[in-house]
N, C-alpha and C. Protein backbone atom coordinates (compact mmCIF):
# COMPACT_ATOMS: atom_id res chain seq x y z
N UNK A 1 -29.77 4.20 14.83
CA UNK A 1 -30.31 3.49 13.40
C UNK A 1 -31.05 2.64 13.42
N UNK A 2 -31.46 2.55 12.00
CA UNK A 2 -32.94 1.67 12.08
C UNK A 2 -32.93 0.75 11.35
N UNK A 3 -33.61 -0.56 11.20
CA UNK A 3 -33.60 -1.63 9.84
C UNK A 3 -33.87 -0.47 8.73
N UNK A 4 -33.68 -0.83 7.45
CA UNK A 4 -34.02 0.10 6.61
C UNK A 4 -35.42 -0.63 5.72
N UNK A 5 -35.98 0.55 5.57
CA UNK A 5 -37.46 0.07 4.60
C UNK A 5 -37.31 -0.33 3.40
N UNK A 6 -38.55 -1.19 3.20
CA UNK A 6 -38.31 -1.61 1.51
C UNK A 6 -38.62 -3.25 1.34
N UNK A 7 -38.49 -2.96 0.15
CA UNK A 7 -38.90 -4.73 -0.61
C UNK A 7 -37.38 -5.04 -0.34
N UNK A 8 -37.36 -7.37 -0.26
CA UNK A 8 -36.33 -7.72 -0.12
C UNK A 8 -35.98 -8.18 -2.00
N UNK A 9 -35.20 -7.43 -2.43
CA UNK A 9 -35.07 -8.10 -3.90
C UNK A 9 -34.13 -9.75 -4.25
N UNK A 10 -33.40 -10.02 -3.19
CA UNK A 10 -33.27 -11.14 -3.29
C UNK A 10 -32.10 -11.72 -1.71
N UNK A 11 -32.62 -13.24 -1.35
CA UNK A 11 -31.64 -12.75 -0.23
C UNK A 11 -30.66 -14.36 -0.15
N UNK A 12 -29.31 -14.69 0.57
CA UNK A 12 -28.17 -14.91 -0.25
C UNK A 12 -27.80 -15.56 1.09
N UNK A 13 -26.95 -16.92 1.00
CA UNK A 13 -26.62 -17.42 1.99
C UNK A 13 -24.60 -17.21 2.43
N UNK A 14 -24.80 -16.02 1.38
CA UNK A 14 -23.18 -16.03 1.78
C UNK A 14 -23.40 -14.05 1.94
N UNK A 15 -22.43 -13.44 2.32
CA UNK A 15 -22.40 -12.00 2.20
C UNK A 15 -21.81 -12.05 0.90
N UNK A 16 -21.15 -11.98 0.61
CA UNK A 16 -19.63 -11.94 -0.90
C UNK A 16 -21.14 -12.37 -1.79
N UNK A 17 -22.41 -12.93 -2.10
CA UNK A 17 -23.46 -13.38 -2.90
C UNK A 17 -24.07 -11.67 -3.17
N UNK A 18 -23.98 -11.31 -1.94
CA UNK A 18 -24.90 -9.58 -1.74
C UNK A 18 -24.47 -8.54 -1.88
N UNK A 19 -23.18 -8.45 -1.77
CA UNK A 19 -22.16 -7.92 -2.64
C UNK A 19 -22.06 -7.35 -4.00
N UNK A 20 -22.22 -8.78 -4.26
CA UNK A 20 -22.06 -9.16 -5.94
C UNK A 20 -23.12 -7.91 -6.67
N UNK A 21 -24.23 -8.96 -5.52
CA UNK A 21 -25.38 -7.81 -6.53
C UNK A 21 -26.14 -6.92 -6.37
N UNK A 22 -25.52 -6.05 -4.67
CA UNK A 22 -25.17 -4.88 -4.99
C UNK A 22 -24.79 -3.63 -5.79
N UNK A 23 -22.93 -4.51 -6.30
CA UNK A 23 -22.49 -3.71 -7.49
C UNK A 23 -22.94 -3.65 -8.38
N UNK A 24 -23.53 -4.86 -9.04
CA UNK A 24 -23.97 -5.30 -10.09
C UNK A 24 -25.21 -3.74 -10.11
N UNK A 25 -25.97 -3.60 -9.01
CA UNK A 25 -26.94 -2.75 -9.67
C UNK A 25 -26.37 -1.18 -9.07
N UNK A 26 -26.04 -1.14 -9.02
CA UNK A 26 -25.11 0.22 -8.78
C UNK A 26 -24.31 0.52 -10.15
N UNK A 27 -24.12 0.01 -10.52
CA UNK A 27 -23.16 0.09 -12.01
C UNK A 27 -24.60 -0.26 -12.99
N UNK A 28 -25.40 -0.68 -12.71
CA UNK A 28 -26.71 -0.45 -13.69
C UNK A 28 -27.45 0.66 -13.17
N UNK A 29 -27.28 1.96 -12.43
CA UNK A 29 -27.64 3.33 -12.24
C UNK A 29 -28.13 2.94 -11.31
N UNK A 30 -28.67 2.32 -10.14
CA UNK A 30 -29.51 1.93 -9.04
C UNK A 30 -28.84 2.92 -8.18
N UNK A 31 -29.75 4.10 -7.66
CA UNK A 31 -29.28 4.96 -6.69
C UNK A 31 -28.58 4.09 -5.10
N UNK A 32 -26.73 4.06 -5.54
CA UNK A 32 -26.75 3.29 -3.77
C UNK A 32 -26.79 3.59 -2.50
N UNK A 33 -27.64 4.99 -2.67
CA UNK A 33 -28.38 5.07 -0.82
C UNK A 33 -29.85 4.57 -0.91
N UNK A 34 -29.99 3.97 -1.74
CA UNK A 34 -31.60 2.69 -1.60
C UNK A 34 -31.14 2.02 -1.35
N UNK A 35 -29.53 1.04 -1.27
CA UNK A 35 -29.86 -0.26 -0.59
C UNK A 35 -29.10 -0.43 -0.07
N UNK A 36 -29.59 -1.87 0.65
CA UNK A 36 -29.14 -1.92 2.27
C UNK A 36 -28.90 -3.70 2.13
N UNK A 37 -27.75 -3.79 2.89
CA UNK A 37 -27.70 -5.60 2.86
C UNK A 37 -27.92 -5.73 4.42
N UNK A 38 -28.86 -6.50 4.98
CA UNK A 38 -28.94 -6.56 6.40
C UNK A 38 -29.35 -8.47 6.39
N UNK A 39 -27.91 -8.40 7.40
CA UNK A 39 -28.04 -10.15 7.86
C UNK A 39 -29.05 -10.47 9.14
N UNK A 40 -29.84 -11.60 8.49
CA UNK A 40 -30.72 -12.59 9.84
C UNK A 40 -29.87 -13.39 10.30
N UNK A 41 -30.67 -13.10 12.00
CA UNK A 41 -29.75 -14.63 12.67
C UNK A 41 -28.89 -14.79 12.66
N UNK A 42 -28.14 -13.41 13.06
CA UNK A 42 -26.51 -12.77 13.09
C UNK A 42 -25.88 -13.77 14.42
N UNK A 43 -24.54 -13.90 14.66
CA UNK A 43 -23.82 -14.61 15.57
C UNK A 43 -22.69 -14.74 15.82
N UNK A 44 -22.48 -14.43 16.88
CA UNK A 44 -20.72 -14.10 16.96
C UNK A 44 -19.48 -15.17 17.40
N UNK A 45 -19.23 -15.90 16.42
CA UNK A 45 -17.75 -16.46 16.25
C UNK A 45 -16.89 -16.38 16.97
N UNK A 46 -16.31 -17.20 17.70
CA UNK A 46 -14.89 -16.46 17.92
C UNK A 46 -13.96 -17.89 17.78
N UNK A 47 -13.31 -17.62 17.08
CA UNK A 47 -11.63 -18.82 17.39
C UNK A 47 -10.74 -18.47 17.43
N UNK A 48 -10.43 -19.99 18.33
CA UNK A 48 -9.25 -19.81 18.96
C UNK A 48 -7.84 -19.96 17.97
N UNK A 49 -6.93 -18.88 17.95
CA UNK A 49 -5.97 -19.32 16.91
C UNK A 49 -4.63 -19.11 17.47
N UNK A 50 -4.21 -19.92 18.97
CA UNK A 50 -3.12 -20.26 19.34
C UNK A 50 -3.31 -19.75 20.77
N UNK A 51 -2.69 -19.65 21.37
CA UNK A 51 -1.99 -20.16 22.83
C UNK A 51 -1.33 -18.95 22.95
N UNK A 52 -1.12 -18.65 24.30
CA UNK A 52 -0.91 -17.52 24.75
C UNK A 52 0.04 -17.77 26.56
N UNK A 53 1.80 -17.89 26.10
CA UNK A 53 2.18 -17.79 27.74
C UNK A 53 2.87 -17.08 27.86
N UNK A 54 4.70 -16.85 28.61
CA UNK A 54 5.29 -16.01 28.87
C UNK A 54 5.83 -15.64 28.03
N UNK A 55 6.73 -16.67 26.14
CA UNK A 55 7.43 -16.27 25.31
C UNK A 55 6.27 -15.61 24.27
N UNK A 56 4.98 -15.78 24.48
CA UNK A 56 4.23 -15.52 23.33
C UNK A 56 4.54 -13.66 23.76
N UNK A 57 4.45 -13.23 25.75
CA UNK A 57 3.88 -12.43 26.00
C UNK A 57 5.24 -11.28 25.71
N UNK A 58 6.48 -11.96 26.04
CA UNK A 58 7.54 -11.42 26.55
C UNK A 58 8.09 -10.94 24.80
N UNK A 59 7.26 -11.75 23.22
CA UNK A 59 8.05 -11.16 22.12
C UNK A 59 7.23 -9.82 22.19
N UNK A 60 5.72 -10.00 22.35
CA UNK A 60 4.61 -9.03 21.48
C UNK A 60 4.64 -7.90 22.29
N UNK A 61 5.30 -7.95 23.89
CA UNK A 61 6.20 -6.93 24.67
C UNK A 61 7.32 -6.25 24.67
N UNK A 62 7.93 -6.81 23.26
CA UNK A 62 9.23 -6.65 23.13
C UNK A 62 9.63 -5.93 21.26
N UNK A 63 8.58 -5.94 20.53
CA UNK A 63 7.93 -6.13 19.57
C UNK A 63 6.93 -4.34 20.16
N UNK A 64 6.31 -4.09 20.66
CA UNK A 64 6.13 -3.28 20.72
C UNK A 64 7.11 -1.72 21.85
N UNK A 65 7.46 -2.53 22.43
CA UNK A 65 8.91 -1.91 23.26
C UNK A 65 9.85 -1.03 22.20
N UNK A 66 9.71 -1.85 21.34
CA UNK A 66 10.62 -1.73 19.96
C UNK A 66 10.59 -0.70 19.51
N UNK A 67 9.16 -0.59 18.95
CA UNK A 67 8.47 0.95 18.82
C UNK A 67 9.04 2.78 18.94
N UNK A 68 7.86 1.98 20.57
CA UNK A 68 8.69 2.84 21.22
C UNK A 68 10.07 3.55 21.00
N UNK A 69 10.82 2.95 21.15
CA UNK A 69 11.83 3.13 21.54
C UNK A 69 12.73 3.33 20.32
N UNK A 70 12.19 3.28 19.23
CA UNK A 70 12.62 3.64 17.35
C UNK A 70 12.20 5.28 17.45
N UNK A 71 10.49 5.30 17.98
CA UNK A 71 9.76 6.36 17.47
C UNK A 71 11.23 7.16 18.62
N UNK A 72 11.14 6.86 19.81
CA UNK A 72 11.79 8.30 20.69
C UNK A 72 13.25 8.65 20.70
N UNK A 73 13.38 7.25 19.75
CA UNK A 73 15.17 7.37 18.88
C UNK A 73 14.64 8.98 18.11
N UNK A 74 14.13 8.71 16.83
CA UNK A 74 13.66 9.34 15.92
C UNK A 74 14.03 11.07 15.98
N UNK A 75 13.18 10.83 17.34
CA UNK A 75 12.40 12.17 17.77
C UNK A 75 14.45 13.23 18.47
N UNK A 76 15.31 11.94 19.20
CA UNK A 76 16.63 12.91 19.61
C UNK A 76 16.63 12.86 18.05
N UNK A 77 16.70 12.23 17.23
CA UNK A 77 17.45 12.72 15.87
C UNK A 77 17.00 13.91 15.37
N UNK A 78 15.67 14.13 15.33
CA UNK A 78 15.23 15.57 15.49
C UNK A 78 16.03 16.97 16.06
N UNK A 79 16.14 16.28 16.91
CA UNK A 79 16.62 17.19 17.98
C UNK A 79 17.78 17.33 18.16
N UNK A 80 18.93 16.70 18.30
CA UNK A 80 20.04 16.96 17.32
C UNK A 80 20.47 15.85 15.84
N UNK A 81 20.81 16.03 15.49
CA UNK A 81 20.15 15.64 13.52
C UNK A 81 22.71 15.00 13.62
N UNK A 82 23.23 15.24 14.26
CA UNK A 82 24.83 14.94 14.16
C UNK A 82 24.79 13.10 13.90
N UNK A 83 23.94 13.05 14.28
CA UNK A 83 24.10 10.60 14.67
C UNK A 83 22.42 10.72 14.00
N UNK A 84 22.49 10.23 13.10
CA UNK A 84 20.91 9.18 12.03
C UNK A 84 20.85 7.93 12.88
N UNK A 85 21.66 7.15 12.71
CA UNK A 85 21.68 5.22 13.10
C UNK A 85 21.84 5.44 14.40
N UNK A 86 22.77 5.68 15.75
CA UNK A 86 22.87 5.05 16.73
C UNK A 86 21.63 5.87 17.61
N UNK A 87 20.83 7.06 17.67
CA UNK A 87 19.84 6.58 18.65
C UNK A 87 19.01 6.14 18.25
N UNK A 88 18.78 5.34 17.15
CA UNK A 88 17.83 5.17 16.40
C UNK A 88 17.59 3.24 16.83
N UNK A 89 18.81 2.89 16.25
CA UNK A 89 19.02 1.09 16.62
C UNK A 89 19.26 1.52 18.69
N UNK A 90 19.72 2.48 18.76
CA UNK A 90 19.74 2.53 20.76
C UNK A 90 18.50 2.44 21.52
N UNK A 91 17.43 2.63 20.65
CA UNK A 91 16.37 3.49 21.06
C UNK A 91 15.39 1.49 20.80
N UNK A 92 15.33 1.41 19.17
CA UNK A 92 14.95 0.02 19.67
C UNK A 92 15.18 -0.62 20.30
N UNK A 93 16.74 -1.05 20.46
CA UNK A 93 16.94 -1.87 21.81
C UNK A 93 17.03 -2.38 22.93
N UNK A 94 17.01 -0.34 23.71
CA UNK A 94 16.60 -0.07 24.77
C UNK A 94 14.67 -0.33 25.05
N UNK A 95 14.26 -0.22 24.30
CA UNK A 95 13.25 0.09 24.12
C UNK A 95 12.15 -1.67 23.89
N UNK A 96 12.79 -2.12 23.31
CA UNK A 96 12.30 -3.90 23.51
C UNK A 96 12.88 -4.23 24.81
N UNK A 97 13.98 -3.88 25.03
CA UNK A 97 13.89 -4.18 26.83
C UNK A 97 13.06 -4.10 27.17
N UNK A 98 12.79 -3.10 27.65
CA UNK A 98 12.05 -2.36 29.21
C UNK A 98 11.10 -2.87 27.63
N UNK A 99 10.75 -2.72 26.82
CA UNK A 99 9.05 -3.42 26.65
C UNK A 99 8.65 -4.82 27.58
N UNK A 100 9.71 -5.62 27.35
CA UNK A 100 9.65 -7.28 27.85
C UNK A 100 9.86 -7.48 29.10
N UNK A 101 10.44 -6.55 29.57
CA UNK A 101 10.36 -6.31 31.56
C UNK A 101 8.74 -6.17 31.63
N UNK A 102 8.07 -4.36 31.46
CA UNK A 102 7.02 -4.32 31.92
C UNK A 102 6.12 -5.51 31.31
N UNK A 103 6.00 -5.72 29.90
CA UNK A 103 4.82 -6.89 29.83
C UNK A 103 5.33 -7.88 30.34
N UNK A 104 6.07 -8.84 30.94
CA UNK A 104 6.39 -9.73 31.75
C UNK A 104 5.87 -9.12 33.32
N UNK A 105 6.26 -8.04 33.69
CA UNK A 105 5.22 -8.09 35.03
C UNK A 105 4.06 -7.80 34.76
N UNK A 106 3.05 -6.93 33.76
CA UNK A 106 2.02 -6.63 34.11
C UNK A 106 1.20 -8.57 33.11
N UNK A 107 2.12 -9.21 33.03
CA UNK A 107 1.71 -10.60 32.43
C UNK A 107 1.55 -11.71 33.84
N UNK A 108 2.31 -11.35 34.78
CA UNK A 108 2.63 -12.39 35.85
C UNK A 108 1.40 -11.76 36.84
N UNK A 109 1.36 -10.19 36.60
CA UNK A 109 -0.06 -10.05 37.53
C UNK A 109 -1.51 -10.07 37.42
N UNK A 110 -1.68 -9.93 35.94
CA UNK A 110 -2.79 -10.66 35.38
C UNK A 110 -2.98 -12.12 36.10
N UNK A 111 -2.32 -12.56 36.43
CA UNK A 111 -2.14 -14.03 37.13
C UNK A 111 -3.57 -14.50 36.40
N UNK A 112 -4.89 -15.05 37.37
CA UNK A 112 -5.72 -16.19 36.72
C UNK A 112 -7.50 -14.89 35.93
N UNK A 113 -6.24 -13.96 35.96
CA UNK A 113 -7.23 -12.93 35.42
C UNK A 113 -6.90 -12.91 33.85
N UNK A 114 -6.16 -13.22 33.04
CA UNK A 114 -6.12 -13.88 31.74
C UNK A 114 -6.39 -14.44 31.02
N UNK A 115 -6.36 -14.30 29.82
CA UNK A 115 -6.03 -15.58 28.91
C UNK A 115 -5.54 -16.19 28.73
N UNK A 116 -5.30 -17.78 28.44
CA UNK A 116 -4.18 -18.18 28.00
C UNK A 116 -4.56 -18.71 26.46
N UNK A 117 -5.05 -17.57 25.96
CA UNK A 117 -5.79 -18.42 24.17
C UNK A 117 -5.89 -16.48 23.52
N UNK A 118 -5.00 -16.96 22.34
CA UNK A 118 -5.73 -15.47 21.31
C UNK A 118 -6.96 -16.45 20.90
N UNK A 119 -7.20 -15.40 19.74
CA UNK A 119 -8.85 -16.11 19.37
C UNK A 119 -9.15 -14.17 18.05
N UNK A 120 -9.85 -14.54 17.20
CA UNK A 120 -10.00 -13.57 16.77
C UNK A 120 -11.48 -13.74 16.28
N UNK A 121 -12.51 -13.14 16.16
CA UNK A 121 -13.88 -12.80 16.92
C UNK A 121 -14.40 -12.52 14.73
N UNK A 122 -15.34 -13.01 14.88
CA UNK A 122 -16.22 -12.62 14.26
C UNK A 122 -18.59 -12.88 13.71
N UNK A 123 -18.45 -11.66 12.47
CA UNK A 123 -20.18 -11.45 12.92
C UNK A 123 -20.54 -11.98 12.07
N UNK A 124 -21.20 -13.28 11.92
CA UNK A 124 -22.11 -14.01 11.04
C UNK A 124 -23.16 -14.44 10.77
N UNK A 125 -23.99 -13.96 10.08
CA UNK A 125 -25.39 -14.20 9.91
C UNK A 125 -25.45 -15.80 8.81
N UNK A 126 -27.27 -16.05 9.11
CA UNK A 126 -27.11 -17.29 8.57
C UNK A 126 -27.64 -16.88 7.30
N UNK A 127 -28.30 -15.52 6.85
CA UNK A 127 -28.90 -15.54 5.02
C UNK A 127 -28.40 -13.69 5.21
N UNK A 128 -28.30 -12.83 3.92
CA UNK A 128 -28.36 -11.94 3.57
C UNK A 128 -29.21 -11.28 2.74
N UNK A 129 -29.76 -9.98 2.97
CA UNK A 129 -30.90 -9.58 2.42
C UNK A 129 -30.40 -8.58 1.69
N UNK A 130 -30.99 -8.71 0.02
CA UNK A 130 -30.62 -7.31 -0.46
C UNK A 130 -32.27 -6.66 -0.63
N UNK A 131 -31.72 -5.40 0.59
CA UNK A 131 -33.32 -4.55 -0.05
C UNK A 131 -33.12 -2.96 -0.44
N UNK A 132 -34.45 -3.05 -0.96
CA UNK A 132 -34.15 -1.75 -1.60
C UNK A 132 -35.57 -1.10 -1.14
N UNK A 133 -35.10 0.44 -1.12
CA UNK A 133 -36.11 1.70 -0.91
C UNK A 133 -37.39 1.28 -1.64
N UNK A 134 -38.69 1.37 -1.57
CA UNK A 134 -39.21 1.70 -2.29
C UNK A 134 -39.55 3.08 -3.97
N UNK A 135 -38.41 3.45 -3.45
CA UNK A 135 -38.61 3.91 -4.27
C UNK A 135 -38.15 3.67 -6.01
N UNK A 136 -36.78 2.93 -5.71
CA UNK A 136 -36.17 2.45 -6.21
C UNK A 136 -36.46 1.20 -6.90
N UNK A 137 -37.69 0.59 -6.20
CA UNK A 137 -37.75 -0.85 -6.13
C UNK A 137 -38.10 -1.35 -7.94
N UNK A 138 -38.57 -0.50 -8.90
CA UNK A 138 -38.71 -1.11 -10.22
C UNK A 138 -37.65 -0.82 -10.66
N UNK A 139 -36.32 0.09 -10.19
CA UNK A 139 -35.62 0.63 -11.35
C UNK A 139 -34.37 -0.54 -10.80
N UNK A 140 -34.37 -1.18 -9.34
CA UNK A 140 -34.11 -1.97 -9.28
C UNK A 140 -34.48 -3.72 -9.84
N UNK A 141 -35.72 -3.55 -10.32
CA UNK A 141 -36.03 -5.17 -10.28
C UNK A 141 -35.58 -5.35 -12.15
N UNK A 142 -36.27 -3.79 -12.41
CA UNK A 142 -35.29 -4.33 -13.90
C UNK A 142 -34.14 -4.22 -14.32
N UNK A 143 -33.25 -3.95 -13.37
CA UNK A 143 -31.92 -4.20 -13.22
C UNK A 143 -31.27 -4.76 -12.95
N UNK A 144 -32.62 -5.90 -11.64
CA UNK A 144 -31.85 -7.63 -11.93
C UNK A 144 -31.77 -8.64 -13.15
N UNK A 145 -33.56 -8.23 -13.59
CA UNK A 145 -34.03 -8.74 -14.74
C UNK A 145 -32.73 -8.60 -15.98
N UNK A 146 -31.89 -7.41 -16.61
CA UNK A 146 -31.56 -7.04 -17.35
C UNK A 146 -29.94 -7.60 -17.11
N UNK A 147 -29.77 -8.05 -15.86
CA UNK A 147 -28.27 -8.69 -15.64
C UNK A 147 -28.49 -10.19 -15.94
N UNK A 148 -29.30 -10.53 -15.08
CA UNK A 148 -29.95 -11.82 -15.54
C UNK A 148 -30.21 -12.12 -17.04
N UNK A 149 -30.58 -11.60 -17.95
CA UNK A 149 -31.02 -12.12 -18.92
C UNK A 149 -29.60 -12.01 -19.58
N UNK A 150 -28.71 -10.64 -19.64
CA UNK A 150 -26.94 -10.84 -20.48
C UNK A 150 -26.45 -12.30 -20.23
N UNK A 151 -26.18 -12.15 -18.50
CA UNK A 151 -25.60 -14.18 -17.81
C UNK A 151 -26.38 -14.93 -18.59
N UNK A 152 -27.45 -15.08 -19.39
CA UNK A 152 -28.31 -15.92 -20.13
C UNK A 152 -27.65 -16.58 -21.02
N UNK A 153 -27.21 -15.18 -21.46
CA UNK A 153 -27.07 -15.47 -23.15
C UNK A 153 -25.71 -16.26 -23.27
């Protein structure tokens, strides 16, 4: 993949503003394949959202295990449909217990190699350029001018 070729129509500080211009241009008939948003000076931002301890690890593992147990219970219901509720409930409870034990063992074995926090990653650019290919440049400029004139009225 390579950077799009063409002319920069506008530069924005926020991605949402660049999206708004793209939506406007596409609705005015500019070919969508000729438009791109290019972020410049890109940074990876990791925001810490919480702490991970034995309690969080146990709860998370129990939830995952319960879903697997419910799925196993559904398989039993399909194979033997005489009782519907018992295999699903039992599968959920047994799965939660097994999941919690396995999760706690894995959390303990990870020791110093584990992270002690949860986080969320985002890629953020300092600016966003709306770029249009040369073939659609004049059409895009006309659509932008018409849009600006319409919003000024």
